Amino acid sequence: MSTLPTKFLPGQNYDCIQCGRGCTNPWNITVEQSCIDALVGSELKQRVESQYGPAFKFDEARQVHVLNRTPNGHCVFLQDSPDSPGCLN
């Protein structure tokens, strides 16, 4: 699956609302360094990384961090359950 670059207007951002729709689409979701820093050492990040590897990757072409994906293309923080969609916590 290829990913499409996001095209936000200046000042416009993506905010996760834990709906499970945005992070299942084939586009890279950029992550601010402050969000990455906030997860350092957290149990959540450790669980995600033990299952999927790095939670974030660096997009060299765009010089930004993006969410990593599971083998099925979903965000590594998405709880992939039809009974309880949304983000892991």
N, C-alpha and C. Protein backbone atom coordinates (compact mmCIF):
# COMPACT_ATOMS: atom_id res chain seq x y z
N MET A 1 0.84 -1.16 0.00
CA MET A 1 0.00 0.00 0.00
C MET A 1 0.89 1.24 0.00
N SER A 2 0.63 2.14 -0.88
CA SER A 2 1.41 3.38 -0.89
C SER A 2 0.68 4.41 -0.04
N THR A 3 1.42 5.38 0.44
CA THR A 3 0.81 6.42 1.25
C THR A 3 0.84 7.73 0.48
N LEU A 4 -0.17 8.52 0.69
CA LEU A 4 -0.27 9.81 0.03
C LEU A 4 0.18 10.90 0.98
N PRO A 5 0.88 11.91 0.49
CA PRO A 5 1.26 13.01 1.38
C PRO A 5 0.02 13.84 1.73
N THR A 6 -0.01 14.35 2.96
CA THR A 6 -1.12 15.21 3.34
C THR A 6 -0.87 16.61 2.81
N LYS A 7 -1.92 17.29 2.48
CA LYS A 7 -1.83 18.66 1.96
C LYS A 7 -2.69 19.58 2.80
N PHE A 8 -2.15 19.98 3.95
CA PHE A 8 -2.87 20.91 4.81
C PHE A 8 -2.49 22.33 4.46
N LEU A 9 -3.44 23.22 4.61
CA LEU A 9 -3.16 24.64 4.42
C LEU A 9 -2.29 25.12 5.57
N PRO A 10 -1.51 26.18 5.37
CA PRO A 10 -0.70 26.71 6.47
C PRO A 10 -1.56 26.99 7.70
N GLY A 11 -1.12 26.51 8.85
CA GLY A 11 -1.86 26.70 10.09
C GLY A 11 -2.93 25.66 10.35
N GLN A 12 -3.22 24.80 9.38
CA GLN A 12 -4.20 23.74 9.55
C GLN A 12 -3.49 22.47 9.98
N ASN A 13 -4.03 21.76 10.96
CA ASN A 13 -3.40 20.55 11.48
C ASN A 13 -4.39 19.41 11.53
N TYR A 14 -3.84 18.21 11.69
CA TYR A 14 -4.65 17.02 11.92
C TYR A 14 -4.67 16.77 13.42
N ASP A 15 -5.83 16.58 14.00
CA ASP A 15 -5.95 16.23 15.41
C ASP A 15 -6.71 14.92 15.50
N CYS A 16 -6.12 13.96 16.19
CA CYS A 16 -6.77 12.67 16.38
C CYS A 16 -7.94 12.84 17.34
N ILE A 17 -9.10 12.33 16.94
CA ILE A 17 -10.26 12.34 17.83
C ILE A 17 -10.67 10.91 18.17
N GLN A 18 -9.76 9.97 17.94
CA GLN A 18 -9.93 8.57 18.28
C GLN A 18 -11.14 7.92 17.62
N CYS A 19 -11.41 8.31 16.38
CA CYS A 19 -12.56 7.76 15.67
C CYS A 19 -12.19 6.52 14.86
N GLY A 20 -10.90 6.35 14.56
CA GLY A 20 -10.47 5.20 13.78
C GLY A 20 -10.65 5.36 12.28
N ARG A 21 -11.07 6.52 11.82
CA ARG A 21 -11.28 6.70 10.39
C ARG A 21 -10.07 7.33 9.70
N GLY A 22 -9.51 8.38 10.28
CA GLY A 22 -8.39 9.08 9.65
C GLY A 22 -7.15 8.23 9.56
N CYS A 23 -6.87 7.44 10.60
CA CYS A 23 -5.62 6.69 10.63
C CYS A 23 -5.71 5.33 9.93
N THR A 24 -6.84 5.06 9.30
CA THR A 24 -6.94 3.85 8.50
C THR A 24 -6.87 4.17 7.01
N ASN A 25 -6.78 5.45 6.69
CA ASN A 25 -6.63 5.89 5.31
C ASN A 25 -5.16 5.88 4.91
N PRO A 26 -4.87 5.75 3.63
CA PRO A 26 -3.46 5.64 3.20
C PRO A 26 -2.72 6.96 3.06
N TRP A 27 -2.75 7.77 4.11
CA TRP A 27 -1.97 9.01 4.09
C TRP A 27 -1.18 9.11 5.37
N ASN A 28 0.00 9.69 5.26
CA ASN A 28 0.88 9.83 6.41
C ASN A 28 0.38 10.92 7.34
N ILE A 29 0.36 10.60 8.63
CA ILE A 29 -0.07 11.56 9.64
C ILE A 29 1.17 12.06 10.36
N THR A 30 1.43 13.35 10.23
CA THR A 30 2.61 13.92 10.89
C THR A 30 2.37 14.04 12.39
N VAL A 31 3.47 13.94 13.13
CA VAL A 31 3.40 13.99 14.59
C VAL A 31 4.40 15.04 15.08
N GLU A 32 3.93 15.95 15.90
CA GLU A 32 4.80 16.99 16.45
C GLU A 32 5.77 16.39 17.45
N GLN A 33 6.95 16.95 17.52
CA GLN A 33 7.98 16.46 18.43
C GLN A 33 7.50 16.47 19.88
N SER A 34 6.70 17.45 20.26
CA SER A 34 6.20 17.52 21.64
C SER A 34 5.32 16.32 21.98
N CYS A 35 4.57 15.81 21.00
CA CYS A 35 3.74 14.62 21.23
C CYS A 35 4.62 13.38 21.38
N ILE A 36 5.66 13.29 20.58
CA ILE A 36 6.60 12.17 20.68
C ILE A 36 7.28 12.21 22.04
N ASP A 37 7.73 13.40 22.45
CA ASP A 37 8.41 13.56 23.73
C ASP A 37 7.50 13.17 24.90
N ALA A 38 6.21 13.47 24.80
CA ALA A 38 5.27 13.17 25.87
C ALA A 38 5.09 11.67 26.08
N LEU A 39 5.36 10.88 25.06
CA LEU A 39 5.19 9.43 25.16
C LEU A 39 6.46 8.68 25.55
N VAL A 40 7.57 9.37 25.62
CA VAL A 40 8.83 8.71 25.97
C VAL A 40 8.70 8.00 27.31
N GLY A 41 9.02 6.71 27.32
CA GLY A 41 8.98 5.91 28.55
C GLY A 41 7.60 5.47 28.99
N SER A 42 6.57 5.82 28.24
CA SER A 42 5.21 5.46 28.65
C SER A 42 4.93 3.97 28.40
N GLU A 43 4.05 3.42 29.21
CA GLU A 43 3.64 2.02 29.04
C GLU A 43 2.98 1.82 27.68
N LEU A 44 2.17 2.79 27.25
CA LEU A 44 1.50 2.70 25.96
C LEU A 44 2.50 2.57 24.82
N LYS A 45 3.48 3.44 24.81
CA LYS A 45 4.49 3.40 23.74
C LYS A 45 5.27 2.09 23.78
N GLN A 46 5.58 1.61 24.97
CA GLN A 46 6.30 0.34 25.10
C GLN A 46 5.48 -0.83 24.57
N ARG A 47 4.16 -0.84 24.87
CA ARG A 47 3.30 -1.91 24.35
C ARG A 47 3.23 -1.88 22.83
N VAL A 48 3.04 -0.69 22.28
CA VAL A 48 2.95 -0.54 20.83
C VAL A 48 4.25 -0.99 20.17
N GLU A 49 5.38 -0.54 20.70
CA GLU A 49 6.67 -0.86 20.09
C GLU A 49 7.04 -2.33 20.25
N SER A 50 6.57 -2.98 21.31
CA SER A 50 6.87 -4.41 21.46
C SER A 50 6.08 -5.23 20.44
N GLN A 51 4.95 -4.71 19.99
CA GLN A 51 4.13 -5.42 19.01
C GLN A 51 4.45 -5.04 17.57
N TYR A 52 4.71 -3.76 17.31
CA TYR A 52 4.85 -3.29 15.93
C TYR A 52 6.19 -2.66 15.58
N GLY A 53 7.07 -2.49 16.54
CA GLY A 53 8.32 -1.77 16.28
C GLY A 53 8.11 -0.30 16.56
N PRO A 54 8.95 0.58 16.02
CA PRO A 54 8.87 2.01 16.34
C PRO A 54 7.46 2.58 16.12
N ALA A 55 7.02 3.38 17.08
CA ALA A 55 5.70 4.00 16.99
C ALA A 55 5.68 5.11 15.94
N PHE A 56 6.85 5.72 15.72
CA PHE A 56 6.96 6.82 14.77
C PHE A 56 8.13 6.56 13.84
N LYS A 57 8.04 7.10 12.65
CA LYS A 57 9.18 7.02 11.73
C LYS A 57 9.44 8.41 11.18
N PHE A 58 10.64 8.59 10.68
CA PHE A 58 11.02 9.90 10.15
C PHE A 58 10.91 9.88 8.64
N ASP A 59 10.12 10.78 8.10
CA ASP A 59 9.94 10.93 6.65
C ASP A 59 11.06 11.84 6.15
N GLU A 60 12.08 11.24 5.58
CA GLU A 60 13.26 12.00 5.12
C GLU A 60 12.89 13.05 4.09
N ALA A 61 12.01 12.69 3.18
CA ALA A 61 11.67 13.62 2.09
C ALA A 61 11.01 14.89 2.61
N ARG A 62 10.16 14.76 3.62
CA ARG A 62 9.43 15.91 4.16
C ARG A 62 10.05 16.45 5.44
N GLN A 63 11.03 15.73 6.00
CA GLN A 63 11.70 16.14 7.23
C GLN A 63 10.73 16.29 8.39
N VAL A 64 9.83 15.30 8.54
CA VAL A 64 8.86 15.29 9.64
C VAL A 64 8.73 13.87 10.18
N HIS A 65 8.28 13.75 11.42
CA HIS A 65 7.94 12.44 11.98
C HIS A 65 6.51 12.11 11.61
N VAL A 66 6.25 10.84 11.31
CA VAL A 66 4.90 10.38 10.99
C VAL A 66 4.59 9.14 11.82
N LEU A 67 3.31 8.86 11.99
CA LEU A 67 2.89 7.65 12.69
C LEU A 67 3.32 6.43 11.89
N ASN A 68 3.78 5.41 12.58
CA ASN A 68 4.08 4.15 11.93
C ASN A 68 2.76 3.41 11.70
N ARG A 69 2.80 2.39 10.87
CA ARG A 69 1.60 1.63 10.51
C ARG A 69 1.75 0.16 10.86
N THR A 70 0.62 -0.48 11.11
CA THR A 70 0.59 -1.92 11.31
C THR A 70 0.68 -2.59 9.94
N PRO A 71 0.87 -3.91 9.88
CA PRO A 71 0.92 -4.58 8.57
C PRO A 71 -0.34 -4.36 7.71
N ASN A 72 -1.50 -4.10 8.35
CA ASN A 72 -2.71 -3.85 7.56
C ASN A 72 -2.89 -2.38 7.20
N GLY A 73 -1.89 -1.53 7.54
CA GLY A 73 -1.92 -0.13 7.15
C GLY A 73 -2.54 0.82 8.14
N HIS A 74 -2.94 0.33 9.31
CA HIS A 74 -3.57 1.19 10.30
C HIS A 74 -2.52 1.79 11.23
N CYS A 75 -2.88 2.87 11.90
CA CYS A 75 -2.03 3.50 12.90
C CYS A 75 -1.70 2.49 13.99
N VAL A 76 -0.46 2.48 14.47
CA VAL A 76 -0.05 1.53 15.51
C VAL A 76 -0.78 1.76 16.84
N PHE A 77 -1.38 2.93 17.03
CA PHE A 77 -2.09 3.20 18.27
C PHE A 77 -3.58 2.87 18.17
N LEU A 78 -4.04 2.45 17.00
CA LEU A 78 -5.46 2.12 16.82
C LEU A 78 -5.76 0.75 17.39
N GLN A 79 -6.78 0.70 18.22
CA GLN A 79 -7.26 -0.58 18.74
C GLN A 79 -8.12 -1.19 17.64
N ASP A 80 -7.62 -2.21 17.02
CA ASP A 80 -8.27 -2.78 15.84
C ASP A 80 -9.28 -3.84 16.25
N SER A 81 -10.39 -3.38 16.82
CA SER A 81 -11.42 -4.29 17.30
C SER A 81 -12.78 -3.76 16.87
N PRO A 82 -13.58 -4.60 16.19
CA PRO A 82 -14.91 -4.13 15.77
C PRO A 82 -15.82 -3.81 16.94
N ASP A 83 -15.58 -4.44 18.10
CA ASP A 83 -16.41 -4.21 19.28
C ASP A 83 -16.06 -2.92 19.99
N SER A 84 -14.79 -2.48 19.86
CA SER A 84 -14.32 -1.32 20.59
C SER A 84 -13.32 -0.53 19.76
N PRO A 85 -13.78 0.13 18.68
CA PRO A 85 -12.83 0.90 17.87
C PRO A 85 -12.32 2.12 18.61
N GLY A 86 -11.19 2.61 18.21
CA GLY A 86 -10.60 3.80 18.83
C GLY A 86 -9.16 3.54 19.16
N CYS A 87 -8.56 4.42 19.90
CA CYS A 87 -7.15 4.32 20.21
C CYS A 87 -6.90 3.50 21.46
N LEU A 88 -5.74 2.86 21.48
CA LEU A 88 -5.30 2.16 22.68
C LEU A 88 -5.08 3.17 23.79
N ASN A 89 -5.21 2.74 25.00
CA ASN A 89 -4.88 3.63 26.12
C ASN A 89 -4.26 2.84 27.24
